[in-house]
C-alpha atoms as a PDB file:
ATOM      1  CA  UNK A   1      -1.324   2.391   8.895  1.00  0.00           C
ATOM      2  CA  UNK A   2      -1.738   5.951   7.752  1.00  0.00           C
ATOM      3  CA  UNK A   3      -3.789   7.070   4.773  1.00  0.00           C
ATOM      4  CA  UNK A   4      -0.793   8.916   3.337  1.00  0.00           C
ATOM      5  CA  UNK A   5       1.323   5.755   3.350  1.00  0.00           C
ATOM      6  CA  UNK A   6      -1.528   3.820   1.706  1.00  0.00           C
ATOM      7  CA  UNK A   7      -1.860   6.547  -0.935  1.00  0.00           C
ATOM      8  CA  UNK A   8       1.901   6.459  -1.587  1.00  0.00           C
ATOM      9  CA  UNK A   9       1.801   2.686  -2.207  1.00  0.00           C
ATOM     10  CA  UNK A  10      -1.229   3.121  -4.466  1.00  0.00           C
ATOM     11  CA  UNK A  11       0.574   5.828  -6.461  1.00  0.00           C
ATOM     12  CA  UNK A  12       3.705   3.731  -6.785  1.00  0.00           C
ATOM     13  CA  UNK A  13       1.745   0.842  -8.278  1.00  0.00           C
ATOM     14  CA  UNK A  14      -0.809   2.734 -10.359  1.00  0.00           C
ATOM     15  CA  UNK A  15       1.292   5.593 -11.675  1.00  0.00           C
ATOM     16  CA  UNK A  16      -1.519   8.051 -10.874  1.00  0.00           C
ATOM     17  CA  UNK A  17       0.012  11.511 -10.623  1.00  0.00           C
ATOM     18  CA  UNK A  18      -0.441  13.912  -7.718  1.00  0.00           C
ATOM     19  CA  UNK A  19      -2.998  15.972  -9.622  1.00  0.00           C
ATOM     20  CA  UNK A  20      -5.352  13.022 -10.036  1.00  0.00           C
ATOM     21  CA  UNK A  21      -4.732  11.345  -6.681  1.00  0.00           C
ATOM     22  CA  UNK A  22      -7.518  13.243  -4.896  1.00  0.00           C
ATOM     23  CA  UNK A  23     -10.081  11.645  -7.209  1.00  0.00           C
ATOM     24  CA  UNK A  24      -9.045   8.209  -5.909  1.00  0.00           C
ATOM     25  CA  UNK A  25      -8.823   9.049  -2.185  1.00  0.00           C
ATOM     26  CA  UNK A  26     -12.275   7.577  -1.364  1.00  0.00           C
ATOM     27  CA  UNK A  27     -11.184   4.286  -2.923  1.00  0.00           C
ATOM     28  CA  UNK A  28      -7.898   4.421  -1.005  1.00  0.00           C
ATOM     29  CA  UNK A  29      -9.732   5.140   2.254  1.00  0.00           C
ATOM     30  CA  UNK A  30     -12.203   2.296   1.649  1.00  0.00           C
ATOM     31  CA  UNK A  31      -9.300  -0.055   0.964  1.00  0.00           C
ATOM     32  CA  UNK A  32      -7.597   0.902   4.218  1.00  0.00           C
ATOM     33  CA  UNK A  33     -10.858   0.316   6.090  1.00  0.00           C
ATOM     34  CA  UNK A  34     -11.259  -3.068   4.435  1.00  0.00           C
ATOM     35  CA  UNK A  35      -7.772  -4.195   5.430  1.00  0.00           C
ATOM     36  CA  UNK A  36      -8.430  -2.999   8.997  1.00  0.00           C
ATOM     37  CA  UNK A  37     -11.641  -5.046   9.062  1.00  0.00           C
ATOM     38  CA  UNK A  38      -9.633  -8.197   8.320  1.00  0.00           C
ATOM     39  CA  UNK A  39      -7.408  -7.808  11.366  1.00  0.00           C
ATOM     40  CA  UNK A  40      -7.625  -9.806  14.556  1.00  0.00           C
ATOM     41  CA  UNK A  41      -8.879  -7.637  17.436  1.00  0.00           C
ATOM     42  CA  UNK A  42      -5.546  -7.765  19.299  1.00  0.00           C
ATOM     43  CA  UNK A  43      -3.364  -6.618  16.378  1.00  0.00           C
ATOM     44  CA  UNK A  44      -1.512  -3.371  17.059  1.00  0.00           C
ATOM     45  CA  UNK A  45      -1.636  -1.344  13.861  1.00  0.00           C
ATOM     46  CA  UNK A  46       1.346   0.752  14.930  1.00  0.00           C
ATOM     47  CA  UNK A  47       3.550  -2.324  15.102  1.00  0.00           C
ATOM     48  CA  UNK A  48       2.672  -3.509  11.578  1.00  0.00           C
ATOM     49  CA  UNK A  49       1.995  -0.137   9.970  1.00  0.00           C
ATOM     50  CA  UNK A  50       4.254  -0.559   6.938  1.00  0.00           C
ATOM     51  CA  UNK A  51       2.967  -4.029   6.152  1.00  0.00           C
ATOM     52  CA  UNK A  52      -0.671  -2.978   6.534  1.00  0.00           C
ATOM     53  CA  UNK A  53      -0.186   0.191   4.485  1.00  0.00           C
ATOM     54  CA  UNK A  54       1.380  -1.871   1.743  1.00  0.00           C
ATOM     55  CA  UNK A  55      -1.534  -4.327   1.755  1.00  0.00           C
ATOM     56  CA  UNK A  56      -4.136  -1.542   1.735  1.00  0.00           C
ATOM     57  CA  UNK A  57      -2.342   0.291  -1.076  1.00  0.00           C
ATOM     58  CA  UNK A  58      -2.129  -2.913  -3.067  1.00  0.00           C
ATOM     59  CA  UNK A  59      -5.843  -3.574  -2.532  1.00  0.00           C
ATOM     60  CA  UNK A  60      -6.622  -0.014  -3.681  1.00  0.00           C
ATOM     61  CA  UNK A  61      -4.484  -0.639  -6.770  1.00  0.00           C
ATOM     62  CA  UNK A  62      -6.382  -3.852  -7.495  1.00  0.00           C
ATOM     63  CA  UNK A  63      -9.753  -2.086  -7.226  1.00  0.00           C
ATOM     64  CA  UNK A  64      -8.455   0.824  -9.315  1.00  0.00           C
ATOM     65  CA  UNK A  65      -7.269  -1.544 -12.033  1.00  0.00           C
ATOM     66  CA  UNK A  66     -10.746  -3.067 -12.210  1.00  0.00           C
ATOM     67  CA  UNK A  67     -12.288   0.389 -12.590  1.00  0.00           C
ATOM     68  CA  UNK A  68      -9.684   1.776 -14.959  1.00  0.00           C
ATOM     69  CA  UNK A  69      -8.840  -1.086 -17.275  1.00  0.00           C
ATOM     70  CA  UNK A  70     -11.516  -2.556 -19.419  1.00  0.00           C
ATOM     71  CA  UNK A  71      -9.162  -5.137 -20.880  1.00  0.00           C
ATOM     72  CA  UNK A  72      -9.806  -3.831 -24.365  1.00  0.00           C
ATOM     73  CA  UNK A  73      -6.934  -3.123 -26.679  1.00  0.00           C
ATOM     74  CA  UNK A  74      -6.266   0.591 -26.771  1.00  0.00           C
ATOM     75  CA  UNK A  75      -4.653   2.106 -29.813  1.00  0.00           C
ATOM     76  CA  UNK A  76      -3.260   5.497 -30.655  1.00  0.00           C
ATOM     77  CA  UNK A  77      -2.017   6.440 -34.101  1.00  0.00           C
ATOM     78  CA  UNK A  78      -0.139   9.568 -35.110  1.00  0.00           C
ATOM     79  CA  UNK A  79       1.117   9.531 -38.668  1.00  0.00           C
ATOM     80  CA  UNK A  80       3.246   6.443 -39.196  1.00  0.00           C
ATOM     81  CA  UNK A  81       3.514   5.689 -35.461  1.00  0.00           C
ATOM     82  CA  UNK A  82       1.013   3.400 -33.773  1.00  0.00           C
ATOM     83  CA  UNK A  83       1.021   2.609 -30.069  1.00  0.00           C
ATOM     84  CA  UNK A  84      -1.080  -0.345 -28.919  1.00  0.00           C
ATOM     85  CA  UNK A  85      -1.642  -1.378 -25.328  1.00  0.00           C
ATOM     86  CA  UNK A  86      -3.495  -4.355 -23.952  1.00  0.00           C
ATOM     87  CA  UNK A  87      -4.364  -3.454 -20.369  1.00  0.00           C
ATOM     88  CA  UNK A  88      -6.160  -6.705 -19.568  1.00  0.00           C
ATOM     89  CA  UNK A  89      -3.048  -8.128 -17.940  1.00  0.00           C
ATOM     90  CA  UNK A  90      -3.058  -5.259 -15.429  1.00  0.00           C
ATOM     91  CA  UNK A  91      -6.157  -6.730 -13.782  1.00  0.00           C
ATOM     92  CA  UNK A  92      -4.485 -10.115 -13.434  1.00  0.00           C
ATOM     93  CA  UNK A  93      -1.205  -8.624 -12.221  1.00  0.00           C
ATOM     94  CA  UNK A  94      -2.953  -6.461  -9.645  1.00  0.00           C
ATOM     95  CA  UNK A  95      -4.891  -9.487  -8.376  1.00  0.00           C
ATOM     96  CA  UNK A  96      -1.658 -11.442  -7.960  1.00  0.00           C
ATOM     97  CA  UNK A  97      -0.118  -8.524  -6.043  1.00  0.00           C
ATOM     98  CA  UNK A  98      -3.193  -8.261  -3.796  1.00  0.00           C
ATOM     99  CA  UNK A  99      -3.149 -11.992  -3.040  1.00  0.00           C
ATOM    100  CA  UNK A 100       0.558 -11.798  -2.236  1.00  0.00           C
ATOM    101  CA  UNK A 101      -0.033  -8.869   0.112  1.00  0.00           C
ATOM    102  CA  UNK A 102      -2.881 -10.756   1.750  1.00  0.00           C
ATOM    103  CA  UNK A 103      -0.560 -13.716   2.299  1.00  0.00           C
ATOM    104  CA  UNK A 104       1.968 -11.391   3.925  1.00  0.00           C
ATOM    105  CA  UNK A 105      -0.568 -10.221   6.508  1.00  0.00           C
ATOM    106  CA  UNK A 106      -2.299 -13.606   6.943  1.00  0.00           C
ATOM    107  CA  UNK A 107      -0.869 -14.029  10.445  1.00  0.00           C
ATOM    108  CA  UNK A 108      -2.574 -10.767  11.444  1.00  0.00           C
ATOM    109  CA  UNK A 109      -6.000 -11.510  10.021  1.00  0.00           C
ATOM    110  CA  UNK A 110      -9.060 -13.314  11.308  1.00  0.00           C
ATOM    111  CA  UNK A 111      -9.585 -16.730   9.828  1.00  0.00           C
ATOM    112  CA  UNK A 112     -12.843 -16.311   7.926  1.00  0.00           C
ATOM    113  CA  UNK A 113     -12.478 -19.526   5.977  1.00  0.00           C
ATOM    114  CA  UNK A 114     -14.171 -22.825   6.715  1.00  0.00           C
ATOM    115  CA  UNK A 115     -12.064 -25.940   6.431  1.00  0.00           C
ATOM    116  CA  UNK A 116     -13.485 -29.440   6.343  1.00  0.00           C
ATOM    117  CA  UNK A 117     -10.791 -32.064   6.568  1.00  0.00           C
ATOM    118  CA  UNK A 118     -12.837 -35.219   7.157  1.00  0.00           C
ATOM    119  CA  UNK A 119     -14.801 -37.254   9.624  1.00  0.00           C
ATOM    120  CA  UNK A 120     -13.353 -40.123  11.615  1.00  0.00           C
ATOM    121  CA  UNK A 121     -15.679 -43.084  12.025  1.00  0.00           C
END
């Protein structure tokens, strides 16, 4: 998983242009580190590079959407033309994408969940 591949996935999802990408590189780097921290110790990053880069880029997009979108309705009016955007759905959509990416790498990650199925008497 290379930082450039993670940044490319982030750009694809977020629409952030090249000129503003540098501003978000710390977030992208943190997201890559987070995804790496989820991996089992024996996972070879080189083997699953594309999948891991995709997951890290998607996680960066999710975090970016939380920072960037307040969920408020944004409106712009110029003469008789009015453009209205409700960005609140972006947060939900980015969360769904992140969860899907996490499911795709589940076989590579440590199981940090606790499951209690029952007690036999």
